[in-house]
PDB file of N, CA and C in Angstrom:
ATOM      1  N   SER A   1      35.654  23.941  53.168  1.00  0.00           N
ATOM      2  CA  SER A   1      35.517  22.560  52.739  1.00  0.00           C
ATOM      3  C   SER A   1      36.077  21.634  53.823  1.00  0.00           C
ATOM      4  N   ALA A   2      35.362  20.556  54.050  1.00  0.00           N
ATOM      5  CA  ALA A   2      35.771  19.610  55.096  1.00  0.00           C
ATOM      6  C   ALA A   2      36.983  18.811  54.640  1.00  0.00           C
ATOM      7  N   ASN A   3      37.836  18.459  55.592  1.00  0.00           N
ATOM      8  CA  ASN A   3      38.950  17.576  55.288  1.00  0.00           C
ATOM      9  C   ASN A   3      38.418  16.160  55.179  1.00  0.00           C
ATOM     10  N   ILE A   4      38.676  15.510  54.065  1.00  0.00           N
ATOM     11  CA  ILE A   4      38.180  14.155  53.850  1.00  0.00           C
ATOM     12  C   ILE A   4      39.313  13.169  54.083  1.00  0.00           C
ATOM     13  N   THR A   5      39.067  12.242  54.970  1.00  0.00           N
ATOM     14  CA  THR A   5      40.006  11.161  55.225  1.00  0.00           C
ATOM     15  C   THR A   5      39.321   9.864  54.826  1.00  0.00           C
ATOM     16  N   LYS A   6      40.064   8.784  54.813  1.00  0.00           N
ATOM     17  CA  LYS A   6      39.492   7.481  54.498  1.00  0.00           C
ATOM     18  C   LYS A   6      38.366   7.155  55.474  1.00  0.00           C
ATOM     19  N   GLY A   7      38.554   7.472  56.742  1.00  0.00           N
ATOM     20  CA  GLY A   7      37.526   7.220  57.752  1.00  0.00           C
ATOM     21  C   GLY A   7      36.264   8.028  57.496  1.00  0.00           C
ATOM     22  N   ASN A   8      36.424   9.316  57.146  1.00  0.00           N
ATOM     23  CA  ASN A   8      35.263  10.158  56.846  1.00  0.00           C
ATOM     24  C   ASN A   8      34.509   9.630  55.635  1.00  0.00           C
ATOM     25  N   LEU A   9      35.249   9.219  54.633  1.00  0.00           N
ATOM     26  CA  LEU A   9      34.625   8.706  53.426  1.00  0.00           C
ATOM     27  C   LEU A   9      33.852   7.428  53.728  1.00  0.00           C
ATOM     28  N   ASP A  10      34.413   6.556  54.545  1.00  0.00           N
ATOM     29  CA  ASP A  10      33.717   5.321  54.924  1.00  0.00           C
ATOM     30  C   ASP A  10      32.422   5.631  55.664  1.00  0.00           C
ATOM     31  N   VAL A  11      32.469   6.587  56.559  1.00  0.00           N
ATOM     32  CA  VAL A  11      31.272   6.955  57.321  1.00  0.00           C
ATOM     33  C   VAL A  11      30.214   7.538  56.389  1.00  0.00           C
ATOM     34  N   THR A  12      30.631   8.406  55.489  1.00  0.00           N
ATOM     35  CA  THR A  12      29.693   9.005  54.538  1.00  0.00           C
ATOM     36  C   THR A  12      29.070   7.940  53.652  1.00  0.00           C
ATOM     37  N   THR A  13      29.881   7.023  53.168  1.00  0.00           N
ATOM     38  CA  THR A  13      29.380   5.935  52.330  1.00  0.00           C
ATOM     39  C   THR A  13      28.379   5.088  53.101  1.00  0.00           C
ATOM     40  N   ASN A  14      28.712   4.736  54.318  1.00  0.00           N
ATOM     41  CA  ASN A  14      27.803   3.929  55.135  1.00  0.00           C
ATOM     42  C   ASN A  14      26.496   4.664  55.400  1.00  0.00           C
ATOM     43  N   ALA A  15      26.567   5.951  55.657  1.00  0.00           N
ATOM     44  CA  ALA A  15      25.352   6.730  55.912  1.00  0.00           C
ATOM     45  C   ALA A  15      24.459   6.761  54.679  1.00  0.00           C
ATOM     46  N   CYS A  16      25.042   6.970  53.516  1.00  0.00           N
ATOM     47  CA  CYS A  16      24.252   6.996  52.282  1.00  0.00           C
ATOM     48  C   CYS A  16      23.602   5.644  52.018  1.00  0.00           C
ATOM     49  N   GLU A  17      24.350   4.585  52.228  1.00  0.00           N
ATOM     50  CA  GLU A  17      23.796   3.247  52.021  1.00  0.00           C
ATOM     51  C   GLU A  17      22.686   2.954  53.025  1.00  0.00           C
ATOM     52  N   ALA A  18      22.858   3.382  54.253  1.00  0.00           N
ATOM     53  CA  ALA A  18      21.830   3.156  55.278  1.00  0.00           C
ATOM     54  C   ALA A  18      20.546   3.903  54.939  1.00  0.00           C
ATOM     55  N   ILE A  19      20.667   5.119  54.461  1.00  0.00           N
ATOM     56  CA  ILE A  19      19.494   5.898  54.077  1.00  0.00           C
ATOM     57  C   ILE A  19      18.762   5.209  52.931  1.00  0.00           C
ATOM     58  N   GLY A  20      19.513   4.688  51.977  1.00  0.00           N
ATOM     59  CA  GLY A  20      18.900   3.940  50.875  1.00  0.00           C
ATOM     60  C   GLY A  20      18.155   2.719  51.369  1.00  0.00           C
ATOM     61  N   GLU A  21      18.748   2.006  52.309  1.00  0.00           N
ATOM     62  CA  GLU A  21      18.088   0.822  52.871  1.00  0.00           C
ATOM     63  C   GLU A  21      16.805   1.196  53.601  1.00  0.00           C
ATOM     64  N   LEU A  22      16.808   2.313  54.301  1.00  0.00           N
ATOM     65  CA  LEU A  22      15.596   2.767  54.975  1.00  0.00           C
ATOM     66  C   LEU A  22      14.471   2.984  53.971  1.00  0.00           C
ATOM     67  N   ALA A  23      14.807   3.611  52.865  1.00  0.00           N
ATOM     68  CA  ALA A  23      13.792   3.883  51.849  1.00  0.00           C
ATOM     69  C   ALA A  23      13.258   2.591  51.236  1.00  0.00           C
ATOM     70  N   VAL A  24      14.143   1.647  50.961  1.00  0.00           N
ATOM     71  CA  VAL A  24      13.748   0.390  50.324  1.00  0.00           C
ATOM     72  C   VAL A  24      12.926  -0.479  51.265  1.00  0.00           C
ATOM     73  N   LYS A  25      13.281  -0.516  52.524  1.00  0.00           N
ATOM     74  CA  LYS A  25      12.637  -1.411  53.488  1.00  0.00           C
ATOM     75  C   LYS A  25      11.272  -0.925  53.943  1.00  0.00           C
ATOM     76  N   GLY A  26      10.886   0.285  53.578  1.00  0.00           N
ATOM     77  CA  GLY A  26       9.579   0.777  53.969  1.00  0.00           C
ATOM     78  C   GLY A  26       9.488   1.149  55.437  1.00  0.00           C
ATOM     79  N   VAL A  27      10.564   1.668  55.950  1.00  0.00           N
ATOM     80  CA  VAL A  27      10.607   2.092  57.354  1.00  0.00           C
ATOM     81  C   VAL A  27       9.688   3.304  57.530  1.00  0.00           C
ATOM     82  N   ASN A  28       9.308   3.565  58.738  1.00  0.00           N
ATOM     83  CA  ASN A  28       8.458   4.687  59.108  1.00  0.00           C
ATOM     84  C   ASN A  28       8.766   5.925  58.274  1.00  0.00           C
ATOM     85  N   ASN A  29       7.705   6.552  57.737  1.00  0.00           N
ATOM     86  CA  ASN A  29       7.884   7.716  56.856  1.00  0.00           C
ATOM     87  C   ASN A  29       8.659   8.848  57.505  1.00  0.00           C
ATOM     88  N   ALA A  30       8.426   9.108  58.778  1.00  0.00           N
ATOM     89  CA  ALA A  30       9.137  10.199  59.451  1.00  0.00           C
ATOM     90  C   ALA A  30      10.638   9.933  59.479  1.00  0.00           C
ATOM     91  N   LEU A  31      11.020   8.685  59.696  1.00  0.00           N
ATOM     92  CA  LEU A  31      12.438   8.342  59.709  1.00  0.00           C
ATOM     93  C   LEU A  31      13.055   8.514  58.325  1.00  0.00           C
ATOM     94  N   VAL A  32      12.333   8.101  57.302  1.00  0.00           N
ATOM     95  CA  VAL A  32      12.830   8.256  55.932  1.00  0.00           C
ATOM     96  C   VAL A  32      12.946   9.739  55.588  1.00  0.00           C
ATOM     97  N   GLU A  33      11.965  10.545  55.989  1.00  0.00           N
ATOM     98  CA  GLU A  33      12.018  11.980  55.711  1.00  0.00           C
ATOM     99  C   GLU A  33      13.206  12.636  56.415  1.00  0.00           C
ATOM    100  N   ASN A  34      13.444  12.274  57.656  1.00  0.00           N
ATOM    101  CA  ASN A  34      14.595  12.828  58.369  1.00  0.00           C
ATOM    102  C   ASN A  34      15.902  12.386  57.730  1.00  0.00           C
ATOM    103  N   SER A  35      15.930  11.173  57.244  1.00  0.00           N
ATOM    104  CA  SER A  35      17.123  10.681  56.549  1.00  0.00           C
ATOM    105  C   SER A  35      17.349  11.457  55.260  1.00  0.00           C
ATOM    106  N   ALA A  36      16.262  11.787  54.575  1.00  0.00           N
ATOM    107  CA  ALA A  36      16.374  12.575  53.344  1.00  0.00           C
ATOM    108  C   ALA A  36      16.970  13.946  53.637  1.00  0.00           C
ATOM    109  N   ILE A  37      16.572  14.546  54.736  1.00  0.00           N
ATOM    110  CA  ILE A  37      17.132  15.842  55.134  1.00  0.00           C
ATOM    111  C   ILE A  37      18.627  15.707  55.404  1.00  0.00           C
ATOM    112  N   THR A  38      19.001  14.663  56.103  1.00  0.00           N
ATOM    113  CA  THR A  38      20.415  14.430  56.405  1.00  0.00           C
ATOM    114  C   THR A  38      21.221  14.246  55.129  1.00  0.00           C
ATOM    115  N   LEU A  39      20.698  13.450  54.206  1.00  0.00           N
ATOM    116  CA  LEU A  39      21.391  13.232  52.936  1.00  0.00           C
ATOM    117  C   LEU A  39      21.536  14.549  52.168  1.00  0.00           C
ATOM    118  N   GLY A  40      20.495  15.368  52.200  1.00  0.00           N
ATOM    119  CA  GLY A  40      20.571  16.676  51.544  1.00  0.00           C
ATOM    120  C   GLY A  40      21.644  17.557  52.152  1.00  0.00           C
ATOM    121  N   ARG A  41      21.759  17.519  53.462  1.00  0.00           N
ATOM    122  CA  ARG A  41      22.798  18.314  54.140  1.00  0.00           C
ATOM    123  C   ARG A  41      24.193  17.827  53.778  1.00  0.00           C
ATOM    124  N   LEU A  42      24.345  16.501  53.706  1.00  0.00           N
ATOM    125  CA  LEU A  42      25.636  15.956  53.269  1.00  0.00           C
ATOM    126  C   LEU A  42      25.948  16.401  51.840  1.00  0.00           C
ATOM    127  N   ALA A  43      24.926  16.390  50.995  1.00  0.00           N
ATOM    128  CA  ALA A  43      25.120  16.768  49.586  1.00  0.00           C
ATOM    129  C   ALA A  43      25.508  18.236  49.446  1.00  0.00           C
ATOM    130  N   LEU A  44      24.998  19.074  50.330  1.00  0.00           N
ATOM    131  CA  LEU A  44      25.376  20.491  50.275  1.00  0.00           C
ATOM    132  C   LEU A  44      26.858  20.690  50.557  1.00  0.00           C
ATOM    133  N   ILE A  45      27.382  19.876  51.470  1.00  0.00           N
ATOM    134  CA  ILE A  45      28.775  20.018  51.877  1.00  0.00           C
ATOM    135  C   ILE A  45      29.711  19.296  50.906  1.00  0.00           C
ATOM    136  N   ARG A  46      29.359  18.068  50.525  1.00  0.00           N
ATOM    137  CA  ARG A  46      30.220  17.275  49.640  1.00  0.00           C
ATOM    138  C   ARG A  46      29.407  16.573  48.559  1.00  0.00           C
ATOM    139  N   PRO A  47      28.920  17.334  47.577  1.00  0.00           N
ATOM    140  CA  PRO A  47      28.117  16.719  46.522  1.00  0.00           C
ATOM    141  C   PRO A  47      28.862  15.635  45.762  1.00  0.00           C
ATOM    142  N   ASP A  48      30.169  15.751  45.663  1.00  0.00           N
ATOM    143  CA  ASP A  48      30.956  14.753  44.947  1.00  0.00           C
ATOM    144  C   ASP A  48      30.915  13.387  45.632  1.00  0.00           C
ATOM    145  N   LEU A  49      30.739  13.371  46.947  1.00  0.00           N
ATOM    146  CA  LEU A  49      30.674  12.103  47.667  1.00  0.00           C
ATOM    147  C   LEU A  49      29.267  11.509  47.665  1.00  0.00           C
ATOM    148  N   VAL A  50      28.268  12.369  47.660  1.00  0.00           N
ATOM    149  CA  VAL A  50      26.886  11.915  47.771  1.00  0.00           C
ATOM    150  C   VAL A  50      26.284  11.590  46.399  1.00  0.00           C
ATOM    151  N   ALA A  51      26.693  12.288  45.373  1.00  0.00           N
ATOM    152  CA  ALA A  51      26.087  12.149  44.043  1.00  0.00           C
ATOM    153  C   ALA A  51      25.979  10.708  43.542  1.00  0.00           C
ATOM    154  N   PRO A  52      26.986   9.859  43.715  1.00  0.00           N
ATOM    155  CA  PRO A  52      26.860   8.495  43.194  1.00  0.00           C
ATOM    156  C   PRO A  52      25.700   7.702  43.813  1.00  0.00           C
ATOM    157  N   TYR A  53      25.235   8.120  44.968  1.00  0.00           N
ATOM    158  CA  TYR A  53      24.164   7.395  45.664  1.00  0.00           C
ATOM    159  C   TYR A  53      22.788   7.999  45.426  1.00  0.00           C
ATOM    160  N   MET A  54      22.722   9.156  44.817  1.00  0.00           N
ATOM    161  CA  MET A  54      21.458   9.874  44.712  1.00  0.00           C
ATOM    162  C   MET A  54      20.437   9.184  43.809  1.00  0.00           C
ATOM    163  N   LYS A  55      20.853   8.685  42.655  1.00  0.00           N
ATOM    164  CA  LYS A  55      19.867   8.087  41.744  1.00  0.00           C
ATOM    165  C   LYS A  55      19.216   6.845  42.346  1.00  0.00           C
ATOM    166  N   PRO A  56      19.995   5.854  42.823  1.00  0.00           N
ATOM    167  CA  PRO A  56      19.323   4.691  43.415  1.00  0.00           C
ATOM    168  C   PRO A  56      18.496   5.058  44.644  1.00  0.00           C
ATOM    169  N   TRP A  57      18.982   5.995  45.430  1.00  0.00           N
ATOM    170  CA  TRP A  57      18.253   6.391  46.624  1.00  0.00           C
ATOM    171  C   TRP A  57      16.947   7.080  46.263  1.00  0.00           C
ATOM    172  N   SER A  58      16.988   8.006  45.310  1.00  0.00           N
ATOM    173  CA  SER A  58      15.771   8.721  44.952  1.00  0.00           C
ATOM    174  C   SER A  58      14.756   7.806  44.269  1.00  0.00           C
ATOM    175  N   MET A  59      15.246   6.818  43.524  1.00  0.00           N
ATOM    176  CA  MET A  59      14.335   5.855  42.912  1.00  0.00           C
ATOM    177  C   MET A  59      13.648   5.021  43.989  1.00  0.00           C
ATOM    178  N   ALA A  60      14.389   4.596  44.985  1.00  0.00           N
ATOM    179  CA  ALA A  60      13.820   3.808  46.070  1.00  0.00           C
ATOM    180  C   ALA A  60      12.807   4.633  46.855  1.00  0.00           C
ATOM    181  N   LEU A  61      13.128   5.885  47.103  1.00  0.00           N
ATOM    182  CA  LEU A  61      12.233   6.749  47.863  1.00  0.00           C
ATOM    183  C   LEU A  61      10.956   7.033  47.071  1.00  0.00           C
ATOM    184  N   SER A  62      11.059   7.169  45.755  1.00  0.00           N
ATOM    185  CA  SER A  62       9.876   7.465  44.947  1.00  0.00           C
ATOM    186  C   SER A  62       8.881   6.313  44.932  1.00  0.00           C
ATOM    187  N   MET A  63       9.336   5.109  45.256  1.00  0.00           N
ATOM    188  CA  MET A  63       8.460   3.942  45.299  1.00  0.00           C
ATOM    189  C   MET A  63       7.747   3.842  46.633  1.00  0.00           C
ATOM    190  N   LYS A  64       8.098   4.689  47.549  1.00  0.00           N
ATOM    191  CA  LYS A  64       7.555   4.668  48.917  1.00  0.00           C
ATOM    192  C   LYS A  64       6.091   4.991  48.927  1.00  0.00           C
TER     193      LYS A  64
END
Protein backbone atom coordinates (compact mmCIF):
# COMPACT_ATOMS: atom_id res chain seq x y z
CA SER A 1 0.00 0.00 0.00
CA ALA A 2 1.26 3.45 -0.91
CA ASN A 3 2.09 5.97 1.79
CA ILE A 4 -0.49 8.74 1.56
CA THR A 5 0.53 12.24 2.49
CA LYS A 6 -1.40 15.48 2.17
CA GLY A 7 0.56 16.22 -1.01
CA ASN A 8 -0.25 12.82 -2.53
CA LEU A 9 -3.90 13.23 -1.70
CA ASP A 10 -3.98 16.69 -3.31
CA VAL A 11 -2.38 15.33 -6.48
CA THR A 12 -4.81 12.41 -6.62
CA THR A 13 -7.77 14.72 -6.09
CA ASN A 14 -6.57 17.08 -8.80
CA ALA A 15 -6.03 14.20 -11.22
CA CYS A 16 -9.54 12.85 -10.65
CA GLU A 17 -11.06 16.28 -11.11
CA ALA A 18 -9.05 16.86 -14.28
CA ILE A 19 -10.20 13.56 -15.76
CA GLY A 20 -13.80 14.52 -15.00
CA GLU A 21 -13.33 17.86 -16.73
CA LEU A 22 -11.91 16.12 -19.80
CA ALA A 23 -15.01 13.97 -20.03
CA VAL A 24 -17.39 16.91 -19.57
CA LYS A 25 -15.63 19.24 -22.01
CA GLY A 26 -15.77 16.76 -24.88
CA VAL A 27 -12.04 16.53 -25.35
CA ASN A 28 -10.59 14.15 -27.93
CA ASN A 29 -11.87 10.60 -27.34
CA ALA A 30 -8.38 9.09 -27.22
CA LEU A 31 -7.40 11.48 -24.43
CA VAL A 32 -10.54 10.67 -22.46
CA GLU A 33 -9.94 6.93 -22.94
CA ASN A 34 -6.36 7.22 -21.72
CA SER A 35 -7.57 9.23 -18.75
CA ALA A 36 -10.08 6.49 -17.96
CA ILE A 37 -7.25 3.95 -17.91
CA THR A 38 -5.26 6.16 -15.55
CA LEU A 39 -8.24 6.59 -13.24
CA GLY A 40 -8.75 2.82 -13.23
CA ARG A 41 -5.12 2.29 -12.26
CA LEU A 42 -5.45 4.79 -9.43
CA ALA A 43 -8.61 3.00 -8.28
CA LEU A 44 -6.79 -0.34 -8.18
CA ILE A 45 -4.19 1.08 -5.82
CA ARG A 46 -6.38 3.38 -3.68
CA PRO A 47 -10.08 2.77 -4.26
CA ASP A 48 -10.91 4.72 -1.11
CA LEU A 49 -9.45 7.88 -2.65
CA VAL A 50 -10.93 7.46 -6.12
CA ALA A 51 -14.41 6.16 -5.23
CA PRO A 52 -15.93 9.56 -4.33
CA TYR A 53 -15.19 10.78 -7.87
CA MET A 54 -16.35 7.73 -9.79
CA LYS A 55 -20.09 8.42 -10.03
CA PRO A 56 -19.88 11.99 -11.39
CA TRP A 57 -17.01 11.00 -13.66
CA SER A 58 -18.75 7.94 -15.08
CA MET A 59 -21.95 9.92 -15.62
CA ALA A 60 -20.03 12.58 -17.53
CA LEU A 61 -18.23 9.97 -19.60
CA SER A 62 -21.48 8.16 -20.45
CA MET A 63 -22.79 11.37 -22.03
CA LYS A 64 -19.80 11.44 -24.37
